[in-house]
Amino acid sequence: MSRPWTAVPGGLSVTVRLTPRGGRDAIDGIEQRDDGQWVLKARVRAAATEGEANAALMTLLAHAASVPPRDVALVSGATARIKRLIIAGHGPTLAAALEKNAGLR
């Protein structure tokens, strides 16, 4: 199975499909989209207004990867459902933490 993240210099690039106002803040595993792209499925309670859902997503990923929220940056997709984020740190360690939180381990 492919993963929705790749190691990059200084961290991990993660592709996420976000569901705002999803009732809870959680990572719901990974899935392959119709276009073949693998995404990490996440949901947050926050609405998609004024960046609230994006901020909640960054906090959720920071918690899942055991890094401070300042180490998570939104790179693309600020107004889209599919987003790309960079988590700063040691790529393999971050990937292992995300695998555990996505229910892959």
N, C-alpha and C. Protein backbone atom coordinates (compact mmCIF):
# COMPACT_ATOMS: atom_id res chain seq x y z
N MET A 1 0.84 -1.19 0.00
CA MET A 1 0.00 0.00 0.00
C MET A 1 0.88 1.25 0.00
N SER A 2 0.54 2.19 -0.82
CA SER A 2 1.25 3.46 -0.85
C SER A 2 0.85 4.29 0.34
N ARG A 3 1.62 5.31 0.59
CA ARG A 3 1.36 6.20 1.72
C ARG A 3 1.11 7.62 1.20
N PRO A 4 0.32 8.41 1.91
CA PRO A 4 0.05 9.79 1.49
C PRO A 4 1.11 10.78 1.97
N TRP A 5 2.28 10.28 2.33
CA TRP A 5 3.35 11.16 2.78
C TRP A 5 4.66 10.71 2.18
N THR A 6 5.57 11.67 2.06
CA THR A 6 6.92 11.37 1.57
C THR A 6 7.91 12.18 2.39
N ALA A 7 9.06 11.58 2.60
CA ALA A 7 10.12 12.29 3.31
C ALA A 7 10.68 13.37 2.39
N VAL A 8 10.88 14.54 2.93
CA VAL A 8 11.49 15.66 2.22
C VAL A 8 12.60 16.20 3.11
N PRO A 9 13.53 16.97 2.55
CA PRO A 9 14.58 17.53 3.40
C PRO A 9 13.97 18.32 4.57
N GLY A 10 14.31 17.91 5.76
CA GLY A 10 13.84 18.61 6.95
C GLY A 10 12.49 18.17 7.48
N GLY A 11 11.90 17.12 6.89
CA GLY A 11 10.62 16.70 7.43
C GLY A 11 9.85 15.73 6.56
N LEU A 12 8.52 15.91 6.57
CA LEU A 12 7.61 15.00 5.89
C LEU A 12 6.54 15.82 5.19
N SER A 13 6.29 15.52 3.91
CA SER A 13 5.21 16.16 3.17
C SER A 13 4.00 15.23 3.23
N VAL A 14 2.85 15.76 3.62
CA VAL A 14 1.65 14.96 3.82
C VAL A 14 0.50 15.53 2.98
N THR A 15 -0.19 14.64 2.25
CA THR A 15 -1.38 15.04 1.50
C THR A 15 -2.60 14.60 2.30
N VAL A 16 -3.51 15.55 2.55
CA VAL A 16 -4.65 15.31 3.44
C VAL A 16 -5.95 15.67 2.73
N ARG A 17 -6.97 14.83 2.93
CA ARG A 17 -8.34 15.20 2.53
C ARG A 17 -9.06 15.57 3.82
N LEU A 18 -9.42 16.84 3.95
CA LEU A 18 -9.99 17.36 5.19
C LEU A 18 -11.51 17.47 5.09
N THR A 19 -12.18 17.03 6.15
CA THR A 19 -13.62 17.22 6.29
C THR A 19 -13.85 18.18 7.45
N PRO A 20 -14.17 19.45 7.15
CA PRO A 20 -14.47 20.39 8.23
C PRO A 20 -15.85 20.09 8.81
N ARG A 21 -16.09 20.55 10.02
CA ARG A 21 -17.35 20.31 10.74
C ARG A 21 -17.68 18.82 10.73
N GLY A 22 -16.65 18.01 11.00
CA GLY A 22 -16.80 16.56 10.97
C GLY A 22 -17.24 15.95 12.28
N GLY A 23 -17.59 16.77 13.26
CA GLY A 23 -18.10 16.25 14.53
C GLY A 23 -17.03 15.97 15.57
N ARG A 24 -15.81 15.72 15.13
CA ARG A 24 -14.72 15.46 16.08
C ARG A 24 -13.41 15.70 15.34
N ASP A 25 -12.34 15.85 16.09
CA ASP A 25 -11.00 15.98 15.51
C ASP A 25 -10.37 14.60 15.49
N ALA A 26 -10.15 14.06 14.28
CA ALA A 26 -9.62 12.70 14.20
C ALA A 26 -8.99 12.42 12.85
N ILE A 27 -8.09 11.46 12.84
CA ILE A 27 -7.54 10.91 11.61
C ILE A 27 -8.30 9.62 11.34
N ASP A 28 -8.85 9.52 10.14
CA ASP A 28 -9.72 8.39 9.80
C ASP A 28 -9.06 7.39 8.85
N GLY A 29 -7.73 7.33 8.84
CA GLY A 29 -7.04 6.38 7.98
C GLY A 29 -6.59 6.99 6.67
N ILE A 30 -6.27 6.13 5.71
CA ILE A 30 -5.85 6.61 4.40
C ILE A 30 -6.73 5.98 3.33
N GLU A 31 -6.79 6.63 2.18
CA GLU A 31 -7.56 6.08 1.07
C GLU A 31 -6.93 6.51 -0.24
N GLN A 32 -7.23 5.75 -1.28
CA GLN A 32 -6.79 6.10 -2.62
C GLN A 32 -7.96 6.74 -3.35
N ARG A 33 -7.73 7.94 -3.87
CA ARG A 33 -8.78 8.66 -4.59
C ARG A 33 -8.94 8.10 -6.00
N ASP A 34 -10.00 8.49 -6.67
CA ASP A 34 -10.26 8.02 -8.03
C ASP A 34 -9.13 8.34 -9.00
N ASP A 35 -8.41 9.44 -8.72
CA ASP A 35 -7.29 9.82 -9.60
C ASP A 35 -6.00 9.09 -9.26
N GLY A 36 -6.06 8.16 -8.31
CA GLY A 36 -4.89 7.37 -7.94
C GLY A 36 -4.07 7.95 -6.81
N GLN A 37 -4.39 9.17 -6.39
CA GLN A 37 -3.65 9.83 -5.32
C GLN A 37 -4.04 9.25 -3.96
N TRP A 38 -3.04 9.00 -3.12
CA TRP A 38 -3.28 8.54 -1.75
C TRP A 38 -3.38 9.74 -0.84
N VAL A 39 -4.36 9.74 0.07
CA VAL A 39 -4.56 10.86 1.00
C VAL A 39 -4.77 10.33 2.41
N LEU A 40 -4.36 11.12 3.37
CA LEU A 40 -4.67 10.88 4.78
C LEU A 40 -6.03 11.53 5.03
N LYS A 41 -7.00 10.76 5.50
CA LYS A 41 -8.33 11.31 5.75
C LYS A 41 -8.35 11.89 7.17
N ALA A 42 -8.78 13.13 7.26
CA ALA A 42 -8.87 13.79 8.57
C ALA A 42 -10.17 14.57 8.65
N ARG A 43 -10.68 14.68 9.87
CA ARG A 43 -11.87 15.48 10.11
C ARG A 43 -11.61 16.37 11.32
N VAL A 44 -12.20 17.55 11.30
CA VAL A 44 -12.08 18.48 12.43
C VAL A 44 -13.45 19.05 12.75
N ARG A 45 -13.62 19.47 13.99
CA ARG A 45 -14.90 20.08 14.40
C ARG A 45 -15.07 21.48 13.82
N ALA A 46 -13.97 22.18 13.61
CA ALA A 46 -14.02 23.58 13.17
C ALA A 46 -14.64 23.72 11.79
N ALA A 47 -15.27 24.86 11.57
CA ALA A 47 -15.84 25.18 10.26
C ALA A 47 -14.74 25.69 9.33
N ALA A 48 -15.02 25.62 8.04
CA ALA A 48 -14.03 26.05 7.05
C ALA A 48 -14.14 27.56 6.80
N THR A 49 -14.14 28.33 7.86
CA THR A 49 -14.21 29.78 7.73
C THR A 49 -13.01 30.42 8.41
N GLU A 50 -12.47 31.43 7.77
CA GLU A 50 -11.36 32.22 8.32
C GLU A 50 -10.19 31.35 8.75
N GLY A 51 -9.97 30.23 8.07
CA GLY A 51 -8.82 29.39 8.36
C GLY A 51 -8.94 28.53 9.60
N GLU A 52 -10.12 28.50 10.22
CA GLU A 52 -10.28 27.74 11.47
C GLU A 52 -10.04 26.24 11.26
N ALA A 53 -10.58 25.68 10.17
CA ALA A 53 -10.40 24.25 9.91
C ALA A 53 -8.94 23.94 9.61
N ASN A 54 -8.26 24.82 8.88
CA ASN A 54 -6.84 24.61 8.60
C ASN A 54 -6.02 24.62 9.88
N ALA A 55 -6.32 25.56 10.76
CA ALA A 55 -5.59 25.64 12.03
C ALA A 55 -5.85 24.38 12.86
N ALA A 56 -7.09 23.91 12.88
CA ALA A 56 -7.42 22.70 13.63
C ALA A 56 -6.70 21.49 13.03
N LEU A 57 -6.61 21.44 11.69
CA LEU A 57 -5.90 20.34 11.04
C LEU A 57 -4.42 20.35 11.41
N MET A 58 -3.80 21.51 11.41
CA MET A 58 -2.39 21.60 11.76
C MET A 58 -2.16 21.16 13.20
N THR A 59 -3.06 21.53 14.10
CA THR A 59 -2.96 21.09 15.49
C THR A 59 -3.13 19.57 15.60
N LEU A 60 -4.09 19.02 14.85
CA LEU A 60 -4.33 17.58 14.85
C LEU A 60 -3.10 16.82 14.34
N LEU A 61 -2.51 17.27 13.24
CA LEU A 61 -1.33 16.60 12.71
C LEU A 61 -0.14 16.73 13.64
N ALA A 62 0.00 17.89 14.27
CA ALA A 62 1.09 18.09 15.23
C ALA A 62 0.96 17.09 16.38
N HIS A 63 -0.25 16.94 16.89
CA HIS A 63 -0.48 15.99 17.97
C HIS A 63 -0.19 14.56 17.52
N ALA A 64 -0.66 14.21 16.32
CA ALA A 64 -0.46 12.85 15.79
C ALA A 64 1.01 12.54 15.57
N ALA A 65 1.78 13.54 15.18
CA ALA A 65 3.21 13.34 14.90
C ALA A 65 4.09 13.63 16.12
N SER A 66 3.49 14.04 17.22
CA SER A 66 4.21 14.37 18.46
C SER A 66 5.23 15.48 18.25
N VAL A 67 4.78 16.54 17.57
CA VAL A 67 5.62 17.73 17.38
C VAL A 67 4.80 18.95 17.81
N PRO A 68 5.46 20.07 18.09
CA PRO A 68 4.71 21.28 18.41
C PRO A 68 3.97 21.80 17.18
N PRO A 69 2.82 22.43 17.35
CA PRO A 69 2.05 22.94 16.21
C PRO A 69 2.85 23.87 15.29
N ARG A 70 3.83 24.56 15.81
CA ARG A 70 4.63 25.46 14.97
C ARG A 70 5.44 24.69 13.93
N ASP A 71 5.61 23.38 14.10
CA ASP A 71 6.37 22.56 13.16
C ASP A 71 5.53 22.05 12.00
N VAL A 72 4.25 22.41 11.95
CA VAL A 72 3.37 21.98 10.86
C VAL A 72 2.99 23.22 10.05
N ALA A 73 3.21 23.14 8.72
CA ALA A 73 2.92 24.28 7.85
C ALA A 73 2.05 23.83 6.68
N LEU A 74 1.04 24.63 6.38
CA LEU A 74 0.19 24.38 5.22
C LEU A 74 0.91 24.91 3.99
N VAL A 75 1.17 24.05 3.01
CA VAL A 75 1.92 24.43 1.82
C VAL A 75 0.99 24.76 0.67
N SER A 76 -0.08 23.98 0.50
CA SER A 76 -1.03 24.25 -0.58
C SER A 76 -2.41 23.73 -0.20
N GLY A 77 -3.43 24.30 -0.86
CA GLY A 77 -4.79 23.86 -0.64
C GLY A 77 -5.52 24.58 0.48
N ALA A 78 -5.15 25.82 0.76
CA ALA A 78 -5.76 26.54 1.88
C ALA A 78 -7.28 26.59 1.78
N THR A 79 -7.83 26.68 0.56
CA THR A 79 -9.29 26.75 0.41
C THR A 79 -9.86 25.50 -0.24
N ALA A 80 -9.05 24.47 -0.40
CA ALA A 80 -9.50 23.24 -1.03
C ALA A 80 -9.66 22.13 0.00
N ARG A 81 -10.35 21.07 -0.39
CA ARG A 81 -10.52 19.92 0.50
C ARG A 81 -9.22 19.12 0.58
N ILE A 82 -8.47 19.04 -0.53
CA ILE A 82 -7.18 18.33 -0.56
C ILE A 82 -6.09 19.34 -0.24
N LYS A 83 -5.28 19.03 0.77
CA LYS A 83 -4.25 19.96 1.24
C LYS A 83 -2.91 19.25 1.30
N ARG A 84 -1.85 20.03 1.19
CA ARG A 84 -0.51 19.48 1.38
C ARG A 84 0.14 20.27 2.50
N LEU A 85 0.69 19.52 3.46
CA LEU A 85 1.34 20.13 4.61
C LEU A 85 2.73 19.57 4.76
N ILE A 86 3.59 20.33 5.40
CA ILE A 86 4.94 19.88 5.73
C ILE A 86 5.05 19.84 7.25
N ILE A 87 5.52 18.70 7.74
CA ILE A 87 5.80 18.58 9.18
C ILE A 87 7.30 18.56 9.33
N ALA A 88 7.83 19.50 10.08
CA ALA A 88 9.28 19.61 10.28
C ALA A 88 9.74 18.57 11.29
N GLY A 89 10.90 17.97 11.01
CA GLY A 89 11.46 16.98 11.91
C GLY A 89 12.14 15.86 11.16
N HIS A 90 12.33 14.75 11.82
CA HIS A 90 12.98 13.58 11.23
C HIS A 90 11.92 12.77 10.48
N GLY A 91 12.02 12.74 9.15
CA GLY A 91 11.02 12.13 8.29
C GLY A 91 10.58 10.73 8.69
N PRO A 92 11.50 9.77 8.86
CA PRO A 92 11.08 8.41 9.21
C PRO A 92 10.36 8.32 10.56
N THR A 93 10.77 9.12 11.53
CA THR A 93 10.10 9.12 12.83
C THR A 93 8.68 9.68 12.70
N LEU A 94 8.54 10.76 11.93
CA LEU A 94 7.22 11.35 11.70
C LEU A 94 6.31 10.37 10.96
N ALA A 95 6.86 9.69 9.94
CA ALA A 95 6.07 8.72 9.17
C ALA A 95 5.58 7.59 10.07
N ALA A 96 6.43 7.12 10.96
CA ALA A 96 6.04 6.05 11.88
C ALA A 96 4.90 6.51 12.79
N ALA A 97 4.98 7.74 13.27
CA ALA A 97 3.93 8.27 14.14
C ALA A 97 2.61 8.39 13.39
N LEU A 98 2.66 8.85 12.14
CA LEU A 98 1.43 8.97 11.35
C LEU A 98 0.84 7.60 11.02
N GLU A 99 1.71 6.63 10.73
CA GLU A 99 1.22 5.28 10.46
C GLU A 99 0.46 4.71 11.67
N LYS A 100 1.01 4.96 12.83
CA LYS A 100 0.36 4.49 14.06
C LYS A 100 -0.99 5.17 14.24
N ASN A 101 -1.05 6.49 14.05
CA ASN A 101 -2.28 7.24 14.24
C ASN A 101 -3.31 7.00 13.14
N ALA A 102 -2.86 6.55 11.97
CA ALA A 102 -3.79 6.28 10.87
C ALA A 102 -4.30 4.83 10.95
N GLY A 103 -3.88 4.11 11.96
CA GLY A 103 -4.35 2.74 12.13
C GLY A 103 -3.66 1.74 11.24
N LEU A 104 -2.45 2.06 10.79
CA LEU A 104 -1.71 1.16 9.89
C LEU A 104 -0.77 0.24 10.63
N ARG A 105 -0.60 0.44 11.92
CA ARG A 105 0.30 -0.40 12.71
C ARG A 105 -0.45 -1.07 13.82
